[in-house]
Amino acid sequence: MSISCDGRNYIRVRFSGTYDYDWSFFNLIDIDYKCYRYITKQGRYSQITISKQKDAIKFMNFIYSGSKFGLSRKYDKWINYEKKIK
C-alpha cells in the first residue's frame, strides 16, 4: 500500500498485486477506484488507485477502524493526514 498526500487537498492510495488479481473487494465498500494492468519487460502486475479525496478517506477509515492494519508507518502517515483535514 502506498499513501501519497499533500497538505489538506490531495491524497492518493495505491495497491499493487499480481496481473490477474481480483480487486472486486473494493466494490463492497462503495468507493471509486481505477484498476490498471501493466505488462513490462520485468513481468506483469496490476494496480488500483483511489484518488478522490472522499473515497480515500472512506477507505482509510474503513481499514483503520478498530485494530491497526498493515505497517505502522502507513498508519502514522494516515493519522497525520487525518489531523490536517479536521
N, C-alpha and C. Protein backbone atom coordinates (compact mmCIF):
# COMPACT_ATOMS: atom_id res chain seq x y z
N MET A 1 0.85 -1.17 0.00
CA MET A 1 0.00 0.00 0.00
C MET A 1 0.89 1.22 0.00
N SER A 2 0.53 2.19 -0.81
CA SER A 2 1.23 3.46 -0.88
C SER A 2 0.23 4.57 -0.60
N ILE A 3 0.59 5.49 0.27
CA ILE A 3 -0.25 6.64 0.57
C ILE A 3 0.53 7.89 0.20
N SER A 4 -0.01 8.69 -0.70
CA SER A 4 0.60 9.96 -1.06
C SER A 4 -0.36 11.06 -0.65
N CYS A 5 0.15 12.07 0.03
CA CYS A 5 -0.71 13.17 0.42
C CYS A 5 0.07 14.48 0.40
N ASP A 6 -0.67 15.55 0.20
CA ASP A 6 -0.09 16.87 0.09
C ASP A 6 -0.98 17.84 0.86
N GLY A 7 -0.61 18.12 2.09
CA GLY A 7 -1.41 19.06 2.87
C GLY A 7 -2.82 18.58 3.06
N ARG A 8 -3.78 19.46 2.81
CA ARG A 8 -5.19 19.14 3.05
C ARG A 8 -5.96 18.76 1.80
N ASN A 9 -5.42 19.03 0.62
CA ASN A 9 -6.22 18.93 -0.60
C ASN A 9 -6.03 17.65 -1.40
N TYR A 10 -5.00 16.90 -1.14
CA TYR A 10 -4.67 15.79 -2.02
C TYR A 10 -4.31 14.55 -1.22
N ILE A 11 -4.89 13.44 -1.59
CA ILE A 11 -4.48 12.14 -1.05
C ILE A 11 -4.74 11.09 -2.13
N ARG A 12 -3.82 10.14 -2.22
CA ARG A 12 -3.97 9.03 -3.17
C ARG A 12 -3.49 7.76 -2.47
N VAL A 13 -4.26 6.70 -2.62
CA VAL A 13 -3.92 5.40 -2.04
C VAL A 13 -3.76 4.42 -3.19
N ARG A 14 -2.68 3.66 -3.16
CA ARG A 14 -2.43 2.66 -4.22
C ARG A 14 -2.11 1.31 -3.62
N PHE A 15 -2.53 0.29 -4.34
CA PHE A 15 -2.19 -1.09 -4.02
C PHE A 15 -1.69 -1.75 -5.30
N SER A 16 -0.71 -2.61 -5.18
CA SER A 16 -0.22 -3.38 -6.31
C SER A 16 -0.38 -4.86 -6.03
N GLY A 17 -0.57 -5.62 -7.09
CA GLY A 17 -0.74 -7.06 -6.95
C GLY A 17 -0.41 -7.77 -8.24
N THR A 18 -0.71 -9.04 -8.28
CA THR A 18 -0.45 -9.81 -9.49
C THR A 18 -1.35 -9.31 -10.63
N TYR A 19 -0.96 -9.62 -11.82
CA TYR A 19 -1.67 -9.13 -13.01
C TYR A 19 -3.15 -9.52 -12.99
N ASP A 20 -3.45 -10.73 -12.59
CA ASP A 20 -4.82 -11.25 -12.60
C ASP A 20 -5.54 -11.08 -11.27
N TYR A 21 -4.99 -10.29 -10.36
CA TYR A 21 -5.59 -10.15 -9.03
C TYR A 21 -7.02 -9.62 -9.14
N ASP A 22 -7.90 -10.16 -8.32
CA ASP A 22 -9.31 -9.74 -8.30
C ASP A 22 -9.48 -8.62 -7.28
N TRP A 23 -9.62 -7.41 -7.76
CA TRP A 23 -9.75 -6.23 -6.90
C TRP A 23 -11.21 -5.93 -6.55
N SER A 24 -12.12 -6.83 -6.81
CA SER A 24 -13.55 -6.56 -6.62
C SER A 24 -13.93 -6.28 -5.16
N PHE A 25 -13.05 -6.61 -4.22
CA PHE A 25 -13.31 -6.28 -2.82
C PHE A 25 -13.66 -4.80 -2.65
N PHE A 26 -13.03 -3.96 -3.44
CA PHE A 26 -13.25 -2.52 -3.32
C PHE A 26 -14.66 -2.10 -3.72
N ASN A 27 -15.35 -2.94 -4.47
CA ASN A 27 -16.75 -2.66 -4.80
C ASN A 27 -17.65 -2.81 -3.58
N LEU A 28 -17.26 -3.64 -2.64
CA LEU A 28 -18.07 -3.89 -1.44
C LEU A 28 -18.15 -2.68 -0.53
N ILE A 29 -17.14 -1.82 -0.57
CA ILE A 29 -17.16 -0.65 0.31
C ILE A 29 -17.55 0.62 -0.44
N ASP A 30 -18.00 0.45 -1.67
CA ASP A 30 -18.59 1.53 -2.45
C ASP A 30 -17.68 2.76 -2.55
N ILE A 31 -16.50 2.53 -3.14
CA ILE A 31 -15.59 3.65 -3.40
C ILE A 31 -15.23 3.66 -4.88
N ASP A 32 -14.86 4.82 -5.37
CA ASP A 32 -14.44 4.97 -6.75
C ASP A 32 -12.94 4.71 -6.83
N TYR A 33 -12.54 3.79 -7.69
CA TYR A 33 -11.12 3.48 -7.87
C TYR A 33 -10.88 3.12 -9.33
N LYS A 34 -9.63 3.18 -9.69
CA LYS A 34 -9.23 2.79 -11.05
C LYS A 34 -8.30 1.59 -10.94
N CYS A 35 -8.47 0.65 -11.86
CA CYS A 35 -7.61 -0.53 -11.91
C CYS A 35 -6.78 -0.46 -13.18
N TYR A 36 -5.49 -0.65 -13.03
CA TYR A 36 -4.58 -0.62 -14.18
C TYR A 36 -3.83 -1.95 -14.22
N ARG A 37 -3.60 -2.45 -15.42
CA ARG A 37 -2.83 -3.68 -15.61
C ARG A 37 -1.65 -3.34 -16.52
N TYR A 38 -0.47 -3.79 -16.09
CA TYR A 38 0.77 -3.45 -16.79
C TYR A 38 1.50 -4.71 -17.20
N ILE A 39 2.09 -4.64 -18.38
CA ILE A 39 3.00 -5.69 -18.85
C ILE A 39 4.31 -4.99 -19.19
N THR A 40 5.38 -5.39 -18.50
CA THR A 40 6.69 -4.79 -18.71
C THR A 40 7.69 -5.89 -19.04
N LYS A 41 8.90 -5.49 -19.33
CA LYS A 41 9.95 -6.48 -19.58
C LYS A 41 10.24 -7.31 -18.34
N GLN A 42 10.01 -6.72 -17.16
CA GLN A 42 10.27 -7.43 -15.91
C GLN A 42 9.13 -8.34 -15.48
N GLY A 43 7.95 -8.17 -16.05
CA GLY A 43 6.82 -9.01 -15.68
C GLY A 43 5.49 -8.30 -15.83
N ARG A 44 4.47 -8.85 -15.20
CA ARG A 44 3.12 -8.30 -15.28
C ARG A 44 2.62 -8.03 -13.87
N TYR A 45 1.83 -6.95 -13.73
CA TYR A 45 1.24 -6.64 -12.43
C TYR A 45 0.03 -5.75 -12.64
N SER A 46 -0.77 -5.64 -11.59
CA SER A 46 -1.92 -4.75 -11.62
C SER A 46 -1.81 -3.79 -10.45
N GLN A 47 -2.55 -2.71 -10.56
CA GLN A 47 -2.51 -1.69 -9.53
C GLN A 47 -3.87 -1.00 -9.46
N ILE A 48 -4.32 -0.73 -8.27
CA ILE A 48 -5.52 0.08 -8.12
C ILE A 48 -5.11 1.40 -7.49
N THR A 49 -5.82 2.45 -7.88
CA THR A 49 -5.56 3.78 -7.36
C THR A 49 -6.88 4.39 -6.90
N ILE A 50 -6.89 4.87 -5.67
CA ILE A 50 -8.02 5.62 -5.13
C ILE A 50 -7.54 7.05 -5.03
N SER A 51 -8.06 7.92 -5.89
CA SER A 51 -7.52 9.28 -5.93
C SER A 51 -8.51 10.37 -5.54
N LYS A 52 -9.77 10.04 -5.43
CA LYS A 52 -10.72 11.04 -4.96
C LYS A 52 -10.61 11.12 -3.44
N GLN A 53 -10.49 12.33 -2.93
CA GLN A 53 -10.26 12.52 -1.51
C GLN A 53 -11.33 11.84 -0.65
N LYS A 54 -12.59 12.02 -1.00
CA LYS A 54 -13.66 11.44 -0.17
C LYS A 54 -13.59 9.91 -0.16
N ASP A 55 -13.21 9.31 -1.28
CA ASP A 55 -13.11 7.85 -1.34
C ASP A 55 -11.87 7.34 -0.62
N ALA A 56 -10.76 8.06 -0.72
CA ALA A 56 -9.55 7.67 0.00
C ALA A 56 -9.79 7.75 1.50
N ILE A 57 -10.45 8.80 1.95
CA ILE A 57 -10.75 8.95 3.37
C ILE A 57 -11.69 7.83 3.83
N LYS A 58 -12.70 7.53 3.03
CA LYS A 58 -13.64 6.46 3.38
C LYS A 58 -12.90 5.12 3.50
N PHE A 59 -12.02 4.84 2.55
CA PHE A 59 -11.27 3.59 2.57
C PHE A 59 -10.34 3.51 3.77
N MET A 60 -9.59 4.58 4.03
CA MET A 60 -8.65 4.57 5.15
C MET A 60 -9.39 4.44 6.49
N ASN A 61 -10.52 5.11 6.62
CA ASN A 61 -11.31 4.95 7.84
C ASN A 61 -11.83 3.52 7.98
N PHE A 62 -12.16 2.89 6.86
CA PHE A 62 -12.64 1.51 6.86
C PHE A 62 -11.55 0.56 7.35
N ILE A 63 -10.35 0.66 6.79
CA ILE A 63 -9.31 -0.31 7.17
C ILE A 63 -8.71 -0.03 8.54
N TYR A 64 -8.78 1.22 9.00
CA TYR A 64 -8.20 1.55 10.30
C TYR A 64 -9.25 1.71 11.39
N SER A 65 -10.49 1.28 11.15
CA SER A 65 -11.48 1.29 12.23
C SER A 65 -11.21 0.06 13.09
N GLY A 66 -11.03 0.27 14.36
CA GLY A 66 -10.70 -0.84 15.24
C GLY A 66 -9.21 -1.05 15.34
N SER A 67 -8.74 -2.25 15.03
CA SER A 67 -7.33 -2.55 15.17
C SER A 67 -6.52 -2.05 13.97
N LYS A 68 -5.22 -1.92 14.18
CA LYS A 68 -4.34 -1.45 13.11
C LYS A 68 -4.24 -2.48 12.00
N PHE A 69 -4.06 -2.01 10.80
CA PHE A 69 -3.94 -2.85 9.62
C PHE A 69 -2.60 -2.53 8.95
N GLY A 70 -1.79 -3.50 8.71
CA GLY A 70 -0.56 -3.28 7.95
C GLY A 70 0.55 -2.63 8.75
N LEU A 71 1.39 -1.90 8.05
CA LEU A 71 2.57 -1.30 8.64
C LEU A 71 2.23 -0.07 9.47
N SER A 72 2.91 0.06 10.59
CA SER A 72 2.62 1.19 11.47
C SER A 72 2.99 2.52 10.82
N ARG A 73 4.01 2.55 9.95
CA ARG A 73 4.36 3.82 9.31
C ARG A 73 3.25 4.30 8.36
N LYS A 74 2.51 3.39 7.74
CA LYS A 74 1.37 3.77 6.90
C LYS A 74 0.25 4.32 7.78
N TYR A 75 0.04 3.66 8.89
CA TYR A 75 -0.97 4.12 9.84
C TYR A 75 -0.62 5.51 10.35
N ASP A 76 0.64 5.71 10.71
CA ASP A 76 1.09 7.02 11.20
C ASP A 76 0.91 8.11 10.14
N LYS A 77 1.21 7.77 8.89
CA LYS A 77 1.02 8.73 7.80
C LYS A 77 -0.46 9.10 7.67
N TRP A 78 -1.33 8.12 7.78
CA TRP A 78 -2.76 8.37 7.70
C TRP A 78 -3.23 9.26 8.85
N ILE A 79 -2.79 8.96 10.06
CA ILE A 79 -3.18 9.74 11.23
C ILE A 79 -2.74 11.20 11.07
N ASN A 80 -1.52 11.42 10.57
CA ASN A 80 -1.04 12.79 10.35
C ASN A 80 -1.90 13.51 9.31
N TYR A 81 -2.28 12.82 8.24
CA TYR A 81 -3.13 13.43 7.22
C TYR A 81 -4.51 13.74 7.80
N GLU A 82 -5.04 12.80 8.56
CA GLU A 82 -6.37 12.97 9.13
C GLU A 82 -6.42 14.18 10.07
N LYS A 83 -5.35 14.41 10.81
CA LYS A 83 -5.29 15.58 11.70
C LYS A 83 -5.34 16.88 10.90
N LYS A 84 -4.71 16.89 9.73
CA LYS A 84 -4.67 18.10 8.90
C LYS A 84 -6.03 18.46 8.32
N ILE A 85 -6.85 17.45 8.03
CA ILE A 85 -8.13 17.73 7.37
C ILE A 85 -9.25 18.02 8.35
N LYS A 86 -9.02 17.83 9.63
CA LYS A 86 -10.07 18.08 10.63
C LYS A 86 -10.08 19.54 11.04
